[in-house]
Amino acid sequence: MLENYVSRVSNALDQPIEFKPNTSARLPAFPLRRERLLEIVPIREGLLDVLEFRQCDLLPLISERNSNLGRVMQPSQQLRYELRFLPALYDCRRQLMEDQHDNSSIFINRVNEIIAHKERELPKLIWNSIYTSSEMEQQFSLAKTALPLESQGRISDIEIALNAFIQISELTQLSEWPEPKIAKDIETYYEILYRNASGGEWLKSLDWLTYTLNQVADGIEARLNRRAVCFNQQPNNQSAIIRNVFLNFYAGELQPYLSQVHQFGERWLSGHERILKNLPLPDAMQEYQQKVLSKTHSHGVWQAYVQARDRHTLAWQQLLNQCGMLPSAPIVLDDSA
């Protein structure tokens, strides 16, 4: 569709326009997993002397984490465990405070120390559990194709997962919280990300659209600079062909796809922004976040797309105006409708 659009504009203008998209040359790669991983400080030896935790019924949970399987938990399982363990510690502390006796103060201090440690490390653990998972990597893979022409609704499933992770990241801003209801379904949200890898498809679509819009703007500007298409704003045979291309191949084909990609990006980027604002970013991710996930960074992919869109719109307006084909009401070339 994009190649056909460029070809149609080129032929109508009698102006060569190159179409050789190369996504790998423009989009930064998602940092390697080892570069995304934040170091988690372990609880110091002896602090989790498990026998005393019998009075809080925490032994089964502690044993689960220290079993052979517990030591090799996947990111989703680690997150699920911590979403259970910290609320259990909060409950333990409340129980101990209500049933204080002469020998309980030392144990209460130990529980408070463990809670403080877990709360300090929680933002890093949530980051690792979400953004170093293979499921989230699928959302940033450049090996995907572009979004299909009919991509309405593809963001809805992803938003279910992103909204769950938003709720989890917001726990870092609370002083004490119960086990989240969404914790029991955590694997479902990871599976959504794995099966619906539309994030990577959107990145490729956005890049291809940015390239295409700039190429067409180059072609229109070059044609207008070469010689006038129409004189005294009087339409001619060539302007009729140009108008047909505008109506059938821009307004009829490209603009609806542009709108879908725009709306997908608004919602996908917003989800990640709301997650990340509560979490620490590794050094390798900070530059990536600015270039790929920020809507405001001047050198980011979103702003590059917005600039290309606006430049493409202005070029068409100048071309149509030269031939007296610009309606009295502004032409709606916005892609967010």
Protein backbone atom coordinates (compact mmCIF):
# COMPACT_ATOMS: atom_id res chain seq x y z
CA MET A 1 0.00 0.00 0.00
CA LEU A 2 2.77 2.43 0.90
CA GLU A 3 4.83 1.56 -2.16
CA ASN A 4 1.76 1.96 -4.38
CA TYR A 5 1.00 5.35 -2.83
CA VAL A 6 4.53 6.59 -3.49
CA SER A 7 4.38 5.27 -7.05
CA ARG A 8 1.04 6.95 -7.74
CA VAL A 9 2.24 10.32 -6.43
CA SER A 10 5.49 10.00 -8.40
CA ASN A 11 3.67 9.25 -11.65
CA ALA A 12 1.10 12.02 -11.12
CA LEU A 13 3.81 14.58 -10.47
CA ASP A 14 6.22 13.24 -13.10
CA GLN A 15 8.77 13.34 -10.27
CA PRO A 16 10.98 10.40 -9.20
CA ILE A 17 10.39 9.36 -5.58
CA GLU A 18 12.54 6.60 -4.10
CA PHE A 19 10.94 3.94 -1.91
CA LYS A 20 13.51 1.79 -0.10
CA PRO A 21 12.46 1.50 3.56
CA ASN A 22 15.11 0.04 5.85
CA THR A 23 13.78 -0.15 9.38
CA SER A 24 16.96 -1.54 10.91
CA ALA A 25 18.83 1.61 9.95
CA ARG A 26 16.45 3.90 11.82
CA LEU A 27 14.95 2.13 14.82
CA PRO A 28 17.22 1.42 17.81
CA ALA A 29 17.30 -2.17 18.99
CA PHE A 30 15.86 -3.14 22.36
CA PRO A 31 18.85 -3.37 24.77
CA LEU A 32 20.19 -6.82 25.55
CA ARG A 33 18.67 -8.56 28.55
CA ARG A 34 21.86 -8.35 30.58
CA GLU A 35 21.88 -4.59 29.97
CA ARG A 36 18.29 -4.30 31.16
CA LEU A 37 18.72 -6.34 34.34
CA LEU A 38 18.92 -4.42 37.60
CA GLU A 39 20.84 -5.97 40.50
CA ILE A 40 18.64 -6.98 43.43
CA VAL A 41 20.33 -6.81 46.83
CA PRO A 42 19.61 -10.08 48.67
CA ILE A 43 18.34 -10.17 52.22
CA ARG A 44 21.37 -10.50 54.47
CA GLU A 45 22.19 -13.94 55.79
CA GLY A 46 20.41 -14.90 58.96
CA LEU A 47 17.66 -12.31 58.73
CA LEU A 48 15.23 -14.89 57.41
CA ASP A 49 15.73 -17.38 60.21
CA VAL A 50 12.66 -19.32 59.24
CA LEU A 51 11.71 -21.04 62.49
CA GLU A 52 10.29 -17.92 64.10
CA PHE A 53 8.05 -17.34 61.09
CA ARG A 54 5.95 -20.32 62.14
CA GLN A 55 3.90 -17.99 64.29
CA CYS A 56 2.87 -16.07 61.14
CA ASP A 57 2.26 -19.18 59.00
CA LEU A 58 4.92 -17.98 56.57
CA LEU A 59 7.04 -21.13 56.49
CA PRO A 60 5.29 -22.64 53.43
CA LEU A 61 5.78 -19.41 51.44
CA ILE A 62 9.44 -19.06 52.45
CA SER A 63 10.09 -22.72 51.67
CA GLU A 64 8.51 -22.29 48.24
CA ARG A 65 11.01 -19.58 47.29
CA ASN A 66 13.98 -21.55 48.62
CA SER A 67 13.11 -24.82 46.91
CA ASN A 68 14.95 -26.02 43.81
CA LEU A 69 12.13 -24.76 41.59
CA GLY A 70 11.86 -21.54 43.55
CA ARG A 71 15.49 -20.67 42.87
CA VAL A 72 14.92 -20.75 39.10
CA MET A 73 11.60 -18.91 38.95
CA GLN A 74 10.74 -17.16 35.70
CA PRO A 75 10.18 -13.37 35.92
CA SER A 76 6.41 -13.79 36.02
CA GLN A 77 6.67 -16.31 38.86
CA GLN A 78 9.06 -14.09 40.82
CA LEU A 79 6.63 -11.21 40.51
CA ARG A 80 3.71 -13.38 41.58
CA TYR A 81 5.70 -14.54 44.62
CA GLU A 82 6.60 -11.03 45.76
CA LEU A 83 3.00 -9.88 45.34
CA ARG A 84 2.08 -12.59 47.83
CA PHE A 85 5.08 -12.34 50.17
CA LEU A 86 5.05 -8.63 51.05
CA PRO A 87 1.34 -8.55 51.99
CA ALA A 88 1.95 -11.67 54.07
CA LEU A 89 4.72 -9.81 55.88
CA TYR A 90 2.38 -6.87 56.48
CA ASP A 91 -0.17 -9.28 57.97
CA CYS A 92 2.55 -10.85 60.08
CA ARG A 93 3.55 -7.47 61.48
CA ARG A 94 -0.02 -6.56 62.34
CA GLN A 95 -0.49 -9.92 64.07
CA LEU A 96 2.68 -9.48 66.09
CA MET A 97 1.74 -5.93 67.10
CA GLU A 98 -1.66 -7.12 68.30
CA ASP A 99 -0.24 -10.09 70.23
CA GLN A 100 2.89 -8.52 71.69
CA HIS A 101 4.65 -10.31 74.49
CA ASP A 102 7.99 -9.94 76.18
CA ASN A 103 9.98 -11.80 73.53
CA SER A 104 8.22 -10.45 70.43
CA SER A 105 9.93 -7.05 70.07
CA ILE A 106 13.12 -8.51 68.58
CA PHE A 107 11.15 -10.52 66.04
CA ILE A 108 9.00 -7.49 65.17
CA ASN A 109 12.19 -5.53 64.48
CA ARG A 110 13.39 -8.31 62.18
CA VAL A 111 10.08 -8.31 60.32
CA ASN A 112 10.25 -4.51 59.96
CA GLU A 113 13.78 -4.78 58.60
CA ILE A 114 12.73 -7.39 56.04
CA ILE A 115 9.73 -5.29 54.99
CA ALA A 116 11.91 -2.19 54.60
CA HIS A 117 14.39 -4.18 52.49
CA LYS A 118 11.66 -5.68 50.31
CA GLU A 119 10.04 -2.28 49.77
CA ARG A 120 13.38 -0.75 48.72
CA GLU A 121 14.03 -3.51 46.22
CA LEU A 122 10.44 -3.79 44.96
CA PRO A 123 10.71 -1.20 42.13
CA LYS A 124 13.78 -2.97 40.74
CA LEU A 125 12.15 -6.37 41.09
CA ILE A 126 9.03 -5.19 39.25
CA TRP A 127 11.19 -3.70 36.51
CA ASN A 128 13.13 -6.94 36.11
CA SER A 129 10.00 -9.07 36.20
CA ILE A 130 8.29 -7.08 33.45
CA TYR A 131 10.93 -5.62 31.18
CA THR A 132 13.49 -8.43 31.20
CA SER A 133 10.86 -11.09 30.46
CA SER A 134 10.85 -12.83 27.09
CA GLU A 135 7.16 -11.95 26.78
CA MET A 136 7.82 -8.21 26.97
CA GLU A 137 10.72 -8.58 24.55
CA GLN A 138 8.15 -9.64 21.96
CA GLN A 139 6.63 -6.18 22.21
CA PHE A 140 9.85 -4.59 21.00
CA SER A 141 11.04 -7.12 18.44
CA LEU A 142 11.94 -5.58 15.09
CA ALA A 143 11.69 -9.00 13.46
CA LYS A 144 7.92 -8.51 13.21
CA THR A 145 6.04 -7.35 10.14
CA ALA A 146 3.99 -4.14 10.16
CA LEU A 147 0.49 -3.83 11.58
CA PRO A 148 -2.07 -5.19 9.12
CA LEU A 149 -4.24 -2.75 7.18
CA GLU A 150 -7.17 -3.71 9.38
CA SER A 151 -5.64 -3.40 12.84
CA GLN A 152 -8.57 -2.00 14.77
CA GLY A 153 -8.85 -3.63 18.18
CA ARG A 154 -5.34 -5.10 18.28
CA ILE A 155 -4.37 -2.73 21.09
CA SER A 156 -7.26 -3.75 23.32
CA ASP A 157 -5.74 -7.09 24.42
CA ILE A 158 -2.35 -5.53 25.03
CA GLU A 159 -3.95 -2.81 27.15
CA ILE A 160 -5.39 -5.50 29.43
CA ALA A 161 -1.83 -6.63 30.21
CA LEU A 162 -0.37 -3.12 30.36
CA ASN A 163 -3.12 -1.95 32.72
CA ALA A 164 -2.35 -4.86 35.05
CA PHE A 165 1.32 -3.90 35.08
CA ILE A 166 0.37 -0.27 35.70
CA GLN A 167 -1.50 -1.36 38.83
CA ILE A 168 1.49 -3.42 39.94
CA SER A 169 3.97 -0.57 39.38
CA GLU A 170 1.74 1.77 41.40
CA LEU A 171 2.23 -0.47 44.44
CA THR A 172 5.69 1.08 44.76
CA GLN A 173 3.99 4.34 45.75
CA LEU A 174 2.03 2.78 48.63
CA SER A 175 3.23 2.24 52.19
CA GLU A 176 1.25 -0.95 52.74
CA TRP A 177 -1.07 -2.93 50.49
CA PRO A 178 -3.02 -6.21 50.35
CA GLU A 179 -2.29 -8.91 47.80
CA PRO A 180 -3.60 -7.53 44.48
CA LYS A 181 -6.53 -9.38 42.99
CA ILE A 182 -4.76 -9.42 39.63
CA ALA A 183 -1.82 -11.36 41.10
CA LYS A 184 -3.50 -14.72 40.63
CA ASP A 185 -3.89 -14.02 36.89
CA ILE A 186 -0.36 -12.74 36.36
CA GLU A 187 0.57 -15.50 33.91
CA THR A 188 -2.41 -14.54 31.75
CA TYR A 189 -1.03 -11.03 31.24
CA TYR A 190 2.37 -12.35 30.24
CA GLU A 191 0.74 -14.73 27.77
CA ILE A 192 -1.15 -11.80 26.19
CA LEU A 193 2.13 -10.01 25.55
CA TYR A 194 3.67 -13.14 24.07
CA ARG A 195 0.77 -13.97 21.75
CA ASN A 196 -0.01 -10.41 20.68
CA ALA A 197 3.31 -8.93 19.63
CA SER A 198 1.71 -5.89 18.04
CA GLY A 199 4.11 -3.50 19.76
CA GLY A 200 6.92 -4.54 17.43
CA GLU A 201 4.53 -4.41 14.50
CA TRP A 202 3.54 -0.88 15.46
CA LEU A 203 7.18 0.24 15.66
CA LYS A 204 7.76 -1.02 12.13
CA SER A 205 4.55 0.60 10.88
CA LEU A 206 5.46 3.94 12.44
CA ASP A 207 8.92 3.80 10.90
CA TRP A 208 7.61 2.92 7.45
CA LEU A 209 5.00 5.66 7.62
CA THR A 210 7.56 8.24 8.73
CA TYR A 211 9.81 7.24 5.84
CA THR A 212 6.95 7.27 3.32
CA LEU A 213 5.56 10.63 4.42
CA ASN A 214 8.99 12.22 4.19
CA GLN A 215 9.68 10.69 0.77
CA VAL A 216 6.39 11.97 -0.63
CA ALA A 217 6.97 15.40 0.92
CA ASP A 218 10.43 15.42 -0.71
CA GLY A 219 8.86 14.58 -4.06
CA ILE A 220 6.12 17.21 -3.86
CA GLU A 221 8.56 19.91 -2.71
CA ALA A 222 11.03 19.01 -5.46
CA ARG A 223 8.26 19.14 -8.08
CA LEU A 224 7.01 22.52 -6.88
CA ASN A 225 10.57 23.88 -6.87
CA ARG A 226 11.21 22.58 -10.41
CA ARG A 227 8.31 24.35 -12.09
CA ALA A 228 4.70 25.19 -11.38
CA VAL A 229 2.15 22.43 -11.88
CA CYS A 230 -0.63 24.96 -12.49
CA PHE A 231 -0.56 28.64 -13.44
CA ASN A 232 -2.79 31.25 -11.80
CA GLN A 233 -4.42 28.47 -9.72
CA GLN A 234 -6.09 27.09 -12.84
CA PRO A 235 -6.60 23.30 -12.86
CA ASN A 236 -5.33 21.33 -15.84
CA ASN A 237 -5.10 17.72 -16.98
CA GLN A 238 -2.18 16.94 -14.66
CA SER A 239 -3.92 18.51 -11.66
CA ALA A 240 -6.93 16.29 -12.28
CA ILE A 241 -4.67 13.23 -12.03
CA ILE A 242 -3.08 14.65 -8.87
CA ARG A 243 -6.50 15.22 -7.32
CA ASN A 244 -7.50 11.66 -8.14
CA VAL A 245 -4.36 10.34 -6.41
CA PHE A 246 -5.05 12.51 -3.38
CA LEU A 247 -8.64 11.35 -3.01
CA ASN A 248 -8.22 7.67 -3.87
CA PHE A 249 -4.78 6.77 -2.57
CA TYR A 250 -4.15 9.24 0.24
CA ALA A 251 -7.62 9.92 1.64
CA GLY A 252 -8.99 6.54 0.56
CA GLU A 253 -6.16 4.21 1.61
CA LEU A 254 -3.26 5.80 3.47
CA GLN A 255 -5.17 8.08 5.83
CA PRO A 256 -7.34 5.34 7.42
CA TYR A 257 -4.22 3.26 8.09
CA LEU A 258 -2.42 6.33 9.41
CA SER A 259 -5.29 6.87 11.83
CA GLN A 260 -5.15 3.28 13.09
CA VAL A 261 -1.39 3.40 13.63
CA HIS A 262 -1.67 6.76 15.37
CA GLN A 263 -4.36 5.58 17.77
CA PHE A 264 -2.48 2.36 18.53
CA GLY A 265 0.66 4.35 19.33
CA GLU A 266 -1.16 6.81 21.59
CA ARG A 267 -2.49 3.97 23.75
CA TRP A 268 0.59 1.70 23.65
CA LEU A 269 3.00 4.49 24.57
CA SER A 270 0.68 5.77 27.29
CA GLY A 271 0.59 2.32 28.91
CA HIS A 272 4.37 2.05 29.04
CA GLU A 273 4.71 5.62 30.27
CA ARG A 274 2.42 4.95 33.22
CA ILE A 275 4.34 1.80 34.13
CA LEU A 276 7.80 3.32 33.80
CA LYS A 277 7.12 6.49 35.78
CA ASN A 278 7.08 4.36 38.95
CA LEU A 279 10.16 2.25 38.17
CA PRO A 280 13.93 2.76 37.92
CA LEU A 281 15.49 2.39 34.47
CA PRO A 282 18.88 0.83 33.79
CA ASP A 283 21.33 3.09 31.99
CA ALA A 284 20.91 1.17 28.72
CA MET A 285 17.15 1.71 28.81
CA GLN A 286 17.18 5.45 29.44
CA GLU A 287 18.30 6.35 25.93
CA TYR A 288 16.00 3.72 24.44
CA GLN A 289 13.07 5.06 26.45
CA GLN A 290 13.68 8.58 25.15
CA LYS A 291 14.01 7.51 21.52
CA VAL A 292 11.25 4.89 21.37
CA LEU A 293 8.80 5.31 24.26
CA SER A 294 8.74 9.08 24.75
CA LYS A 295 6.15 11.12 22.88
CA THR A 296 7.91 14.41 23.58
CA HIS A 297 11.64 13.74 23.04
CA SER A 298 12.79 15.80 20.07
CA HIS A 299 14.85 12.92 18.63
CA GLY A 300 12.32 10.19 19.39
CA VAL A 301 10.48 8.08 16.82
CA TRP A 302 7.10 9.61 17.71
CA GLN A 303 8.23 13.18 17.16
CA ALA A 304 9.96 12.13 13.92
CA TYR A 305 6.62 10.73 12.76
CA VAL A 306 4.68 13.85 13.83
CA GLN A 307 7.14 16.09 11.97
CA ALA A 308 6.91 13.90 8.86
CA ARG A 309 3.10 13.92 9.04
CA ASP A 310 2.94 17.71 9.34
CA ARG A 311 5.48 18.20 6.57
CA HIS A 312 3.55 15.81 4.29
CA THR A 313 0.28 17.66 5.05
CA LEU A 314 1.83 21.05 4.26
CA ALA A 315 3.31 19.79 0.98
CA TRP A 316 -0.10 18.53 -0.19
CA GLN A 317 -1.77 21.78 0.83
CA GLN A 318 0.75 23.79 -1.17
CA LEU A 319 0.30 21.54 -4.18
CA LEU A 320 -3.50 21.63 -4.11
CA ASN A 321 -3.53 25.36 -3.46
CA GLN A 322 -1.32 26.00 -6.49
CA CYS A 323 -3.96 24.39 -8.70
CA GLY A 324 -6.92 26.03 -7.00
CA MET A 325 -8.09 22.73 -5.54
CA LEU A 326 -7.79 23.61 -1.87
CA PRO A 327 -11.31 23.80 -0.37
CA SER A 328 -12.36 26.86 1.58
CA ALA A 329 -12.58 24.65 4.69
CA PRO A 330 -9.25 23.17 5.81
CA ILE A 331 -8.52 19.72 4.42
CA VAL A 332 -8.56 17.17 7.21
CA LEU A 333 -5.25 15.38 6.92
CA ASP A 334 -5.02 14.58 10.60
CA ASP A 335 -4.32 10.93 11.39
CA SER A 336 -5.83 10.91 14.87
CA ALA A 337 -9.45 11.11 13.80
